[in-house]
Amino acid sequence: MTATNDQSGVDIPHASSERLYSYDLAPTKKDGRRWGAYNVFTLWANDVHSLGNYAFAIGLFALGLNVWGILAAFVLASALLFLLLTMSGYMGHKAGVPFPVMSRIAFGTKGAQIPAAVRGIVAIAWFGIQTYLASSVLDALLVAVFPGLKPLEDQSVLGLSLLGWITFLALWAIQVLIVSYGMHVIRRYMAVAAPTTLIAMLGLAAWMFARADFSISMSTAQPLTGGAMWLQILQGAALWVVIYGTFVLNFCDFTRSAKSRQSIVLGNLIGIPVNMLFFAGIVVVLSGAQFKINGRVITSPTDIVQTIPNTYLLGLASLALIVLTIAVNLLANFVAPIYVLVNLFPKQLNFRRAGLVSAVIGLVILPWNLYDSPVVVNYFLGGLGALLGPLFGVIMADYWLIRKTRVNVPELYTEDVNGEYHYTRGYNPKAVWAFIPAAAIAVVLALVPAFSAVGGFSWFIGAILGAIIYAVIADRRPDAQDVDGEAIAVASE
């Protein structure tokens, strides 16, 4: 006996719940998965080169790390991320389910809303902020090409100029349009955006290198040395991993469509260690060349782009940055909340409608005001970000240590009180008990100034504590079944 989901038209398998199963939440069939190594690589080729990441990495140069120190930080960080993301990616490939469903394994069919909600709130806020940053680049380009638009920057509505509203809404609509066609169109956009991004950033670095007479400053006038240098290297590496604390949770949203484990490993290998070192090389060239030219430390590549004297080249560089920022937003900040909303309202929302709802929320929160508020960015978003480490620790410990990678996929979609992931009224109290103290410690370390010396390591500390506590108190499940989801799976996009 089956029921039909109103939004997707898909039949709900016998024993599966309408609240837990829909076309977008169902596991993907192994046959027909389309994400190969190149597609996995394009995730990182786009996401690593975001404007926010460049601002962070260039900040290491400003803090006193020399060229070799920056490279060392990224070697360490990329090795850690390769390990963490490959582990997370394997989970998605095996089960074929999105992150809110994957969370049911450790937290229960209802308790999974906890990690999903944290991930979704962070993503929606950053979706709006990243769209605003891209619109700022477009603002500058339009004024440079059409000076008559300048008066529109002098009139403001709700904290944003009229020109800012025009460019923000234009980029907002483009992203909504791309998402409305589903994951297969996102995959195709990534495939085009990745080489565009890499060529543009390489061209910008080459131009700066030539301007600096083919040499760069290896550090600022007062570089860090000794213990202070090594502490900054370790903190820089840790903070770089924290930036990807969101992605290591919901990487399964993408690898559920991966062709094989090998495609995940190869895509991650080229996209993380190789690509991140390429990124670090761009950073040191841009930073060192600008410092050699006039002794100034830039804050982001946009500082350099805006100095390009040729209007045509300025336009190309600006458009490349906009294409890049849209790609980053789609990957890191748009897909995650879509699945969260579908998980909350599977009968009312599908992928397209959930994308529109996410985008509307990202608009009405007026993200430019959030970005301009240190309290919101540092405390609200920073505090939520600190929760991601403990969530990752609990989920990884449950999957790899307790269950030994055994997953009964059909049971993820049942509300039967005897179901494997029903636990206690749909919640796994052991996972919650492990998460709460680890999260409390991680948030305190991240936000309280007295712990600033270790604040950069809060994600790791929270993840390790969450994993250890859960591994100690969790119920051992030697009889856990390993059942694939092919019987209830849908075609992959």
Protein backbone atom coordinates (compact mmCIF):
# COMPACT_ATOMS: atom_id res chain seq x y z
CA MET A 1 0.00 0.00 0.00
CA THR A 2 1.38 3.44 -0.93
CA ALA A 3 0.42 7.09 -0.62
CA THR A 4 1.31 9.90 -2.94
CA ASN A 5 3.27 12.99 -1.91
CA ASP A 6 1.32 16.01 -3.14
CA GLN A 7 4.35 18.06 -4.14
CA SER A 8 6.43 15.53 -5.99
CA GLY A 9 3.85 13.05 -7.21
CA VAL A 10 6.10 10.26 -5.92
CA ASP A 11 4.55 7.23 -4.22
CA ILE A 12 5.47 6.94 -0.57
CA PRO A 13 6.73 3.39 0.05
CA HIS A 14 4.93 1.12 2.47
CA ALA A 15 6.06 1.70 6.09
CA SER A 16 7.55 5.08 5.20
CA SER A 17 6.07 8.20 6.75
CA GLU A 18 4.67 11.18 4.81
CA ARG A 19 6.49 13.38 7.33
CA LEU A 20 9.84 11.76 6.62
CA TYR A 21 9.74 10.78 2.94
CA SER A 22 9.44 12.83 -0.23
CA TYR A 23 11.08 12.86 -3.63
CA ASP A 24 13.74 15.35 -2.50
CA LEU A 25 14.47 13.51 0.77
CA ALA A 26 14.51 10.00 -0.70
CA PRO A 27 17.79 8.16 -1.26
CA THR A 28 19.22 8.31 -4.77
CA LYS A 29 19.58 5.24 -6.95
CA LYS A 30 23.19 4.14 -7.36
CA ASP A 31 22.71 3.61 -11.08
CA GLY A 32 22.62 6.94 -12.90
CA ARG A 33 24.47 9.11 -10.39
CA ARG A 34 26.19 11.90 -12.36
CA TRP A 35 28.67 13.65 -10.07
CA GLY A 36 32.14 12.57 -11.16
CA ALA A 37 35.56 13.66 -9.93
CA TYR A 38 35.44 16.86 -12.00
CA ASN A 39 32.10 17.86 -10.48
CA VAL A 40 33.42 17.29 -6.96
CA PHE A 41 36.52 19.30 -7.86
CA THR A 42 34.38 22.21 -9.10
CA LEU A 43 32.76 22.48 -5.67
CA TRP A 44 36.13 23.42 -4.21
CA ALA A 45 37.42 25.30 -7.26
CA ASN A 46 34.51 27.69 -6.70
CA ASP A 47 34.08 27.68 -2.95
CA VAL A 48 37.74 28.02 -1.96
CA HIS A 49 38.16 31.16 -4.06
CA SER A 50 35.33 33.11 -2.44
CA LEU A 51 35.87 36.79 -1.61
CA GLY A 52 35.43 36.04 2.09
CA ASN A 53 38.15 33.39 1.95
CA TYR A 54 40.54 35.78 0.22
CA ALA A 55 39.85 38.40 2.87
CA PHE A 56 40.65 35.85 5.58
CA ALA A 57 43.84 34.59 3.94
CA ILE A 58 45.13 38.08 3.12
CA GLY A 59 44.47 38.91 6.76
CA LEU A 60 47.13 36.36 7.73
CA PHE A 61 49.66 38.41 5.77
CA ALA A 62 48.45 41.55 7.55
CA LEU A 63 48.82 39.82 10.93
CA GLY A 64 52.51 39.22 10.21
CA LEU A 65 52.76 35.76 8.68
CA ASN A 66 55.33 35.62 5.91
CA VAL A 67 54.82 33.83 2.62
CA TRP A 68 56.14 30.50 3.91
CA GLY A 69 54.01 30.74 7.05
CA ILE A 70 50.85 31.25 4.98
CA LEU A 71 51.73 28.28 2.77
CA ALA A 72 52.40 26.14 5.87
CA ALA A 73 49.01 27.06 7.35
CA PHE A 74 47.23 26.00 4.18
CA VAL A 75 49.18 22.75 3.84
CA LEU A 76 48.07 21.76 7.35
CA ALA A 77 44.49 22.93 6.87
CA SER A 78 44.07 21.22 3.50
CA ALA A 79 45.32 17.91 4.90
CA LEU A 80 42.77 18.07 7.72
CA LEU A 81 39.95 19.10 5.41
CA PHE A 82 40.74 16.37 2.91
CA LEU A 83 40.36 13.79 5.69
CA LEU A 84 37.18 15.29 7.20
CA LEU A 85 35.43 15.91 3.89
CA THR A 86 36.29 12.49 2.52
CA MET A 87 34.82 10.85 5.62
CA SER A 88 31.68 12.97 5.29
CA GLY A 89 31.51 12.36 1.55
CA TYR A 90 31.67 8.59 1.97
CA MET A 91 28.57 8.75 4.19
CA GLY A 92 26.59 10.58 1.51
CA HIS A 93 27.70 8.21 -1.24
CA LYS A 94 26.77 5.10 0.71
CA ALA A 95 23.35 6.19 2.00
CA GLY A 96 22.42 8.51 -0.88
CA VAL A 97 20.49 10.86 1.42
CA PRO A 98 20.70 14.62 2.13
CA PHE A 99 22.02 16.00 5.42
CA PRO A 100 18.72 16.34 7.33
CA VAL A 101 18.04 12.65 6.68
CA MET A 102 21.64 11.65 7.44
CA SER A 103 21.27 13.36 10.83
CA ARG A 104 18.46 10.96 11.73
CA ILE A 105 21.03 8.18 12.14
CA ALA A 106 22.55 9.76 15.25
CA PHE A 107 19.86 12.16 16.51
CA GLY A 108 16.65 10.29 15.63
CA THR A 109 13.85 10.92 13.16
CA LYS A 110 12.71 14.04 15.06
CA GLY A 111 15.98 14.97 16.78
CA ALA A 112 17.59 15.43 13.35
CA GLN A 113 15.87 18.80 13.20
CA ILE A 114 18.45 20.10 15.70
CA PRO A 115 21.58 19.87 13.49
CA ALA A 116 19.55 20.64 10.37
CA ALA A 117 18.14 23.84 11.88
CA VAL A 118 21.56 25.09 13.04
CA ARG A 119 23.04 24.44 9.60
CA GLY A 120 20.06 26.05 7.84
CA ILE A 121 20.00 29.26 9.89
CA VAL A 122 23.72 29.88 9.36
CA ALA A 123 23.35 29.20 5.63
CA ILE A 124 20.38 31.51 5.05
CA ALA A 125 22.09 34.41 6.81
CA TRP A 126 25.27 33.95 4.77
CA PHE A 127 23.26 33.54 1.56
CA GLY A 128 21.95 37.07 2.03
CA ILE A 129 25.34 38.46 3.04
CA GLN A 130 27.19 36.89 0.10
CA THR A 131 24.55 38.17 -2.32
CA TYR A 132 25.05 41.63 -0.86
CA LEU A 133 28.84 41.39 -1.30
CA ALA A 134 28.42 40.36 -4.93
CA SER A 135 25.98 43.22 -5.51
CA SER A 136 28.58 45.64 -4.13
CA VAL A 137 31.03 44.50 -6.82
CA LEU A 138 28.32 44.96 -9.45
CA ASP A 139 27.55 48.44 -8.06
CA ALA A 140 31.15 49.53 -8.50
CA LEU A 141 31.27 48.11 -12.03
CA LEU A 142 28.06 49.84 -13.13
CA VAL A 143 29.16 53.21 -11.77
CA ALA A 144 32.54 52.85 -13.49
CA VAL A 145 30.90 52.04 -16.84
CA PHE A 146 27.85 54.31 -16.46
CA PRO A 147 28.80 57.31 -14.27
CA GLY A 148 25.25 58.66 -14.62
CA LEU A 149 24.12 56.00 -12.14
CA LYS A 150 26.10 57.64 -9.35
CA PRO A 151 23.09 59.59 -7.94
CA LEU A 152 21.35 56.27 -7.23
CA GLU A 153 24.05 55.53 -4.66
CA ASP A 154 23.14 58.67 -2.73
CA GLN A 155 19.52 57.61 -2.06
CA SER A 156 18.94 54.94 0.57
CA VAL A 157 16.02 52.68 1.51
CA LEU A 158 16.20 50.43 4.60
CA GLY A 159 19.95 50.93 4.82
CA LEU A 160 20.74 50.14 1.17
CA SER A 161 21.13 52.53 -1.76
CA LEU A 162 18.70 52.42 -4.67
CA LEU A 163 21.45 51.10 -6.93
CA GLY A 164 22.25 48.54 -4.27
CA TRP A 165 18.63 47.37 -4.26
CA ILE A 166 18.66 47.03 -8.06
CA THR A 167 21.86 44.98 -8.15
CA PHE A 168 20.97 42.91 -5.08
CA LEU A 169 17.56 41.95 -6.44
CA ALA A 170 19.03 41.16 -9.86
CA LEU A 171 21.61 38.75 -8.42
CA TRP A 172 19.04 37.37 -5.97
CA ALA A 173 16.69 36.56 -8.88
CA ILE A 174 19.47 34.91 -10.90
CA GLN A 175 20.26 32.55 -8.03
CA VAL A 176 16.60 31.71 -7.46
CA LEU A 177 16.27 30.94 -11.18
CA ILE A 178 19.28 28.60 -11.17
CA VAL A 179 18.09 26.74 -8.08
CA SER A 180 14.55 26.42 -9.44
CA TYR A 181 15.84 23.98 -12.07
CA GLY A 182 17.35 21.63 -9.48
CA MET A 183 20.71 20.12 -8.62
CA HIS A 184 21.56 19.12 -12.18
CA VAL A 185 21.58 22.80 -13.27
CA ILE A 186 23.65 23.74 -10.21
CA ARG A 187 26.12 21.05 -11.24
CA ARG A 188 26.34 22.51 -14.75
CA TYR A 189 26.80 26.04 -13.43
CA MET A 190 29.66 24.84 -11.22
CA ALA A 191 31.31 23.18 -14.21
CA VAL A 192 31.40 26.48 -16.11
CA ALA A 193 32.10 28.79 -13.17
CA ALA A 194 35.12 26.83 -11.87
CA PRO A 195 37.51 27.36 -14.83
CA THR A 196 36.26 30.96 -15.15
CA THR A 197 37.20 31.59 -11.54
CA LEU A 198 40.61 29.92 -11.73
CA ILE A 199 41.60 31.71 -14.95
CA ALA A 200 40.41 35.09 -13.64
CA MET A 201 42.31 34.82 -10.34
CA LEU A 202 45.45 33.57 -12.09
CA GLY A 203 45.23 36.49 -14.53
CA LEU A 204 44.78 38.98 -11.69
CA ALA A 205 47.80 37.57 -9.85
CA ALA A 206 49.93 37.67 -13.02
CA TRP A 207 48.94 41.29 -13.64
CA MET A 208 49.90 42.27 -10.08
CA PHE A 209 53.17 40.33 -10.31
CA ALA A 210 54.07 42.26 -13.46
CA ARG A 211 53.16 45.59 -11.83
CA ALA A 212 55.54 44.74 -8.96
CA ASP A 213 58.43 44.15 -11.42
CA PHE A 214 58.11 40.37 -11.11
CA SER A 215 58.93 40.14 -7.42
CA ILE A 216 56.97 40.41 -4.19
CA SER A 217 57.53 41.28 -0.54
CA MET A 218 57.87 38.11 1.48
CA SER A 219 56.28 39.70 4.57
CA THR A 220 55.18 42.98 6.11
CA ALA A 221 57.71 45.25 7.78
CA GLN A 222 57.13 43.53 11.14
CA PRO A 223 56.78 39.77 10.51
CA LEU A 224 56.00 37.29 13.26
CA THR A 225 58.84 34.99 14.35
CA GLY A 226 59.41 32.08 16.68
CA GLY A 227 56.55 30.82 18.83
CA ALA A 228 54.23 33.66 17.86
CA MET A 229 54.61 32.71 14.19
CA TRP A 230 53.87 29.03 14.79
CA LEU A 231 50.86 29.85 16.96
CA GLN A 232 49.49 32.02 14.16
CA ILE A 233 50.11 29.24 11.64
CA LEU A 234 48.17 26.76 13.79
CA GLN A 235 45.36 29.24 14.45
CA GLY A 236 45.17 30.14 10.77
CA ALA A 237 44.92 26.47 9.81
CA ALA A 238 42.26 25.84 12.48
CA LEU A 239 40.19 28.85 11.44
CA TRP A 240 40.36 27.75 7.81
CA VAL A 241 38.86 24.41 8.83
CA VAL A 242 36.20 26.31 10.84
CA ILE A 243 35.21 28.16 7.66
CA TYR A 244 34.35 24.75 6.21
CA GLY A 245 32.62 23.57 9.38
CA THR A 246 29.32 24.00 7.56
CA PHE A 247 30.38 22.09 4.47
CA VAL A 248 31.78 19.08 6.32
CA LEU A 249 28.30 18.57 7.76
CA ASN A 250 26.25 18.73 4.58
CA PHE A 251 28.77 17.53 1.98
CA CYS A 252 26.46 14.51 1.64
CA ASP A 253 23.94 16.82 -0.10
CA PHE A 254 26.31 16.60 -3.08
CA THR A 255 28.05 13.24 -2.71
CA ARG A 256 24.68 11.46 -2.57
CA SER A 257 24.91 11.90 -6.36
CA ALA A 258 28.58 10.86 -6.65
CA LYS A 259 29.36 8.05 -9.09
CA SER A 260 31.83 6.29 -6.81
CA ARG A 261 34.10 6.63 -3.80
CA GLN A 262 36.98 7.09 -6.20
CA SER A 263 35.34 10.16 -7.71
CA ILE A 264 35.02 11.67 -4.23
CA VAL A 265 38.66 10.96 -3.36
CA LEU A 266 40.03 12.24 -6.67
CA GLY A 267 37.79 15.31 -6.70
CA ASN A 268 38.73 16.11 -3.12
CA LEU A 269 42.43 15.50 -3.77
CA ILE A 270 42.61 17.98 -6.64
CA GLY A 271 40.02 20.33 -5.18
CA ILE A 272 41.37 20.57 -1.64
CA PRO A 273 45.18 20.12 -1.24
CA VAL A 274 46.10 21.07 -4.81
CA ASN A 275 43.53 23.81 -5.27
CA MET A 276 44.07 25.27 -1.79
CA LEU A 277 47.80 25.58 -2.39
CA PHE A 278 47.02 27.28 -5.71
CA PHE A 279 44.72 29.61 -3.73
CA ALA A 280 47.47 30.28 -1.18
CA GLY A 281 49.88 31.09 -4.02
CA ILE A 282 47.41 33.65 -5.42
CA VAL A 283 47.06 35.16 -1.94
CA VAL A 284 50.78 35.64 -1.36
CA VAL A 285 51.28 37.12 -4.84
CA LEU A 286 48.42 39.61 -4.45
CA SER A 287 49.41 40.54 -0.90
CA GLY A 288 53.16 40.64 -1.47
CA ALA A 289 52.95 42.50 -4.77
CA GLN A 290 50.63 45.20 -3.40
CA PHE A 291 52.82 45.65 -0.33
CA LYS A 292 55.92 46.00 -2.48
CA ILE A 293 54.25 48.60 -4.70
CA ASN A 294 53.08 51.00 -1.99
CA GLY A 295 53.46 49.39 1.44
CA ARG A 296 49.70 48.84 1.74
CA VAL A 297 48.02 45.57 2.73
CA ILE A 298 44.86 44.94 0.73
CA THR A 299 41.73 43.51 2.36
CA SER A 300 40.32 41.57 -0.62
CA PRO A 301 40.80 41.05 -4.38
CA THR A 302 38.14 43.71 -4.99
CA ASP A 303 40.66 46.32 -3.81
CA ILE A 304 42.89 45.32 -6.73
CA VAL A 305 40.12 44.87 -9.28
CA GLN A 306 38.90 48.41 -8.68
CA THR A 307 42.36 49.77 -9.59
CA ILE A 308 42.39 48.17 -13.07
CA PRO A 309 42.75 51.15 -15.45
CA ASN A 310 41.18 49.49 -18.48
CA THR A 311 37.37 49.57 -18.32
CA TYR A 312 37.03 46.42 -20.44
CA LEU A 313 39.39 44.42 -18.21
CA LEU A 314 37.73 45.90 -15.12
CA GLY A 315 34.40 44.62 -16.39
CA LEU A 316 35.71 41.14 -17.08
CA ALA A 317 37.37 40.88 -13.67
CA SER A 318 34.27 42.16 -11.87
CA LEU A 319 31.99 39.77 -13.73
CA ALA A 320 34.31 36.89 -12.83
CA LEU A 321 34.04 37.82 -9.15
CA ILE A 322 30.24 37.96 -9.44
CA VAL A 323 30.11 34.55 -11.17
CA LEU A 324 32.34 33.21 -8.39
CA THR A 325 30.25 34.62 -5.56
CA ILE A 326 27.04 33.20 -7.02
CA ALA A 327 28.72 29.79 -7.28
CA VAL A 328 29.86 29.95 -3.65
CA ASN A 329 26.41 30.98 -2.52
CA LEU A 330 24.69 28.16 -4.37
CA LEU A 331 27.05 25.59 -2.89
CA ALA A 332 27.54 26.69 0.68
CA ASN A 333 24.45 28.72 1.50
CA PHE A 334 21.52 27.78 -0.72
CA VAL A 335 21.35 23.99 -1.01
CA ALA A 336 21.57 23.31 2.75
CA PRO A 337 18.52 25.37 3.86
CA ILE A 338 16.49 24.00 0.94
CA TYR A 339 16.82 20.46 2.27
CA VAL A 340 16.19 21.70 5.82
CA LEU A 341 12.89 23.29 4.76
CA VAL A 342 11.85 20.26 2.69
CA ASN A 343 12.60 18.12 5.74
CA LEU A 344 10.39 20.36 7.90
CA PHE A 345 7.50 20.54 5.43
CA PRO A 346 7.79 17.59 3.02
CA LYS A 347 4.10 17.69 2.03
CA GLN A 348 4.08 21.41 1.31
CA LEU A 349 7.54 22.09 -0.14
CA ASN A 350 9.68 20.61 -2.89
CA PHE A 351 13.20 21.65 -3.91
CA ARG A 352 12.01 24.60 -6.01
CA ARG A 353 9.54 26.01 -3.48
CA ALA A 354 11.95 25.57 -0.58
CA GLY A 355 14.57 27.45 -2.60
CA LEU A 356 12.19 30.37 -3.04
CA VAL A 357 11.30 30.40 0.66
CA SER A 358 15.01 30.37 1.61
CA ALA A 359 15.72 33.23 -0.77
CA VAL A 360 12.83 35.31 0.55
CA ILE A 361 14.05 34.85 4.13
CA GLY A 362 17.57 35.81 2.98
CA LEU A 363 16.08 39.02 1.58
CA VAL A 364 13.75 40.10 4.39
CA ILE A 365 16.47 39.84 7.04
CA LEU A 366 18.17 42.80 5.26
CA PRO A 367 21.58 41.09 5.17
CA TRP A 368 23.56 44.30 4.55
CA ASN A 369 22.54 45.47 8.02
CA LEU A 370 23.64 42.12 9.48
CA TYR A 371 27.00 42.37 7.73
CA ASP A 372 27.56 45.86 9.10
CA SER A 373 26.83 44.69 12.65
CA PRO A 374 29.84 43.15 14.44
CA VAL A 375 27.50 41.88 17.16
CA VAL A 376 25.46 39.85 14.70
CA VAL A 377 28.39 38.50 12.72
CA ASN A 378 30.68 37.75 15.65
CA TYR A 379 28.22 36.64 18.31
CA PHE A 380 25.09 35.34 16.61
CA LEU A 381 26.64 33.74 13.52
CA GLY A 382 29.91 33.02 15.34
CA GLY A 383 28.02 31.32 18.15
CA LEU A 384 25.97 29.22 15.76
CA GLY A 385 29.14 28.33 13.87
CA ALA A 386 30.71 27.06 17.08
CA LEU A 387 27.84 24.56 17.38
CA LEU A 388 28.80 22.88 14.13
CA GLY A 389 31.90 21.19 15.57
CA PRO A 390 30.04 19.27 18.31
CA LEU A 391 27.34 18.26 15.81
CA PHE A 392 30.00 16.92 13.45
CA GLY A 393 31.70 15.05 16.30
CA VAL A 394 28.51 13.30 17.42
CA ILE A 395 27.44 12.36 13.87
CA MET A 396 30.88 11.04 12.91
CA ALA A 397 31.31 9.08 16.15
CA ASP A 398 27.92 7.46 15.72
CA TYR A 399 28.53 6.49 12.08
CA TRP A 400 32.18 5.41 12.19
CA LEU A 401 32.74 4.25 15.78
CA ILE A 402 29.38 3.03 17.05
CA ARG A 403 27.70 1.69 13.91
CA LYS A 404 30.86 0.80 11.98
CA THR A 405 29.31 2.42 8.85
CA ARG A 406 26.20 0.19 9.01
CA VAL A 407 23.04 2.07 8.00
CA ASN A 408 19.52 0.76 7.53
CA VAL A 409 18.38 3.34 4.99
CA PRO A 410 14.65 2.38 4.78
CA GLU A 411 14.40 2.75 8.57
CA LEU A 412 15.36 6.43 8.25
CA TYR A 413 11.89 7.05 6.82
CA THR A 414 9.66 5.25 9.33
CA GLU A 415 7.98 6.55 12.49
CA ASP A 416 7.36 3.06 13.81
CA VAL A 417 8.13 3.06 17.55
CA ASN A 418 10.23 -0.06 16.97
CA GLY A 419 12.19 1.59 14.16
CA GLU A 420 15.96 1.65 14.50
CA TYR A 421 16.15 5.45 14.49
CA HIS A 422 13.02 6.19 16.54
CA TYR A 423 14.96 6.02 19.85
CA THR A 424 12.79 7.81 22.46
CA ARG A 425 9.84 9.57 20.82
CA GLY A 426 11.98 10.27 17.79
CA TYR A 427 14.96 11.69 19.74
CA ASN A 428 18.24 10.03 20.68
CA PRO A 429 18.83 11.38 24.22
CA LYS A 430 22.43 10.14 24.22
CA ALA A 431 23.26 12.29 21.16
CA VAL A 432 21.61 15.33 22.74
CA TRP A 433 23.42 14.79 26.04
CA ALA A 434 26.74 14.55 24.23
CA PHE A 435 26.01 17.62 22.12
CA ILE A 436 24.92 20.03 24.90
CA PRO A 437 28.11 20.15 27.06
CA ALA A 438 30.41 20.05 24.03
CA ALA A 439 28.42 22.88 22.40
CA ALA A 440 28.44 24.97 25.58
CA ILE A 441 32.22 24.71 25.87
CA ALA A 442 32.74 25.44 22.16
CA VAL A 443 30.54 28.56 22.27
CA VAL A 444 32.27 29.90 25.40
CA LEU A 445 35.71 29.38 23.86
CA ALA A 446 34.62 31.03 20.61
CA LEU A 447 32.91 34.10 22.08
CA VAL A 448 34.39 34.93 25.50
CA PRO A 449 37.39 37.30 25.10
CA ALA A 450 39.24 35.67 28.00
CA PHE A 451 39.65 32.54 25.87
CA SER A 452 40.76 34.34 22.72
CA ALA A 453 44.08 32.46 22.69
CA VAL A 454 42.24 29.19 22.05
CA GLY A 455 39.11 30.62 20.42
CA GLY A 456 40.33 29.69 16.97
CA PHE A 457 40.37 26.03 18.00
CA SER A 458 36.78 26.00 19.34
CA TRP A 459 35.44 23.95 16.40
CA PHE A 460 38.04 21.22 16.93
CA ILE A 461 37.61 21.19 20.69
CA GLY A 462 33.83 20.98 20.34
CA ALA A 463 34.05 18.23 17.71
CA ILE A 464 36.49 16.14 19.76
CA LEU A 465 34.49 16.56 22.98
CA GLY A 466 31.22 15.71 21.24
CA ALA A 467 32.74 12.60 19.70
CA ILE A 468 34.37 11.41 22.94
CA ILE A 469 31.29 11.98 25.13
CA TYR A 470 29.03 10.26 22.63
CA ALA A 471 31.42 7.33 22.16
CA VAL A 472 31.42 6.80 25.94
CA ILE A 473 27.69 7.06 26.64
CA ALA A 474 26.16 5.75 23.38
CA ASP A 475 24.43 2.41 23.25
CA ARG A 476 26.55 -0.11 21.38
CA ARG A 477 24.70 -1.64 18.44
CA PRO A 478 26.48 -4.81 17.36
CA ASP A 479 23.26 -5.98 15.69
CA ALA A 480 22.83 -2.82 13.61
CA GLN A 481 21.68 -3.78 10.12
CA ASP A 482 23.26 -2.57 6.92
CA VAL A 483 20.47 -2.17 4.35
CA ASP A 484 20.73 0.01 1.24
CA GLY A 485 17.92 2.25 0.05
CA GLU A 486 17.55 0.97 -3.50
CA ALA A 487 14.02 -0.32 -2.86
CA ILE A 488 12.77 3.19 -2.01
CA ALA A 489 15.27 5.25 -4.04
CA VAL A 490 14.59 7.82 -6.74
CA ALA A 491 16.65 8.87 -9.76
CA SER A 492 19.65 11.06 -9.02
CA GLU A 493 20.03 14.54 -10.44
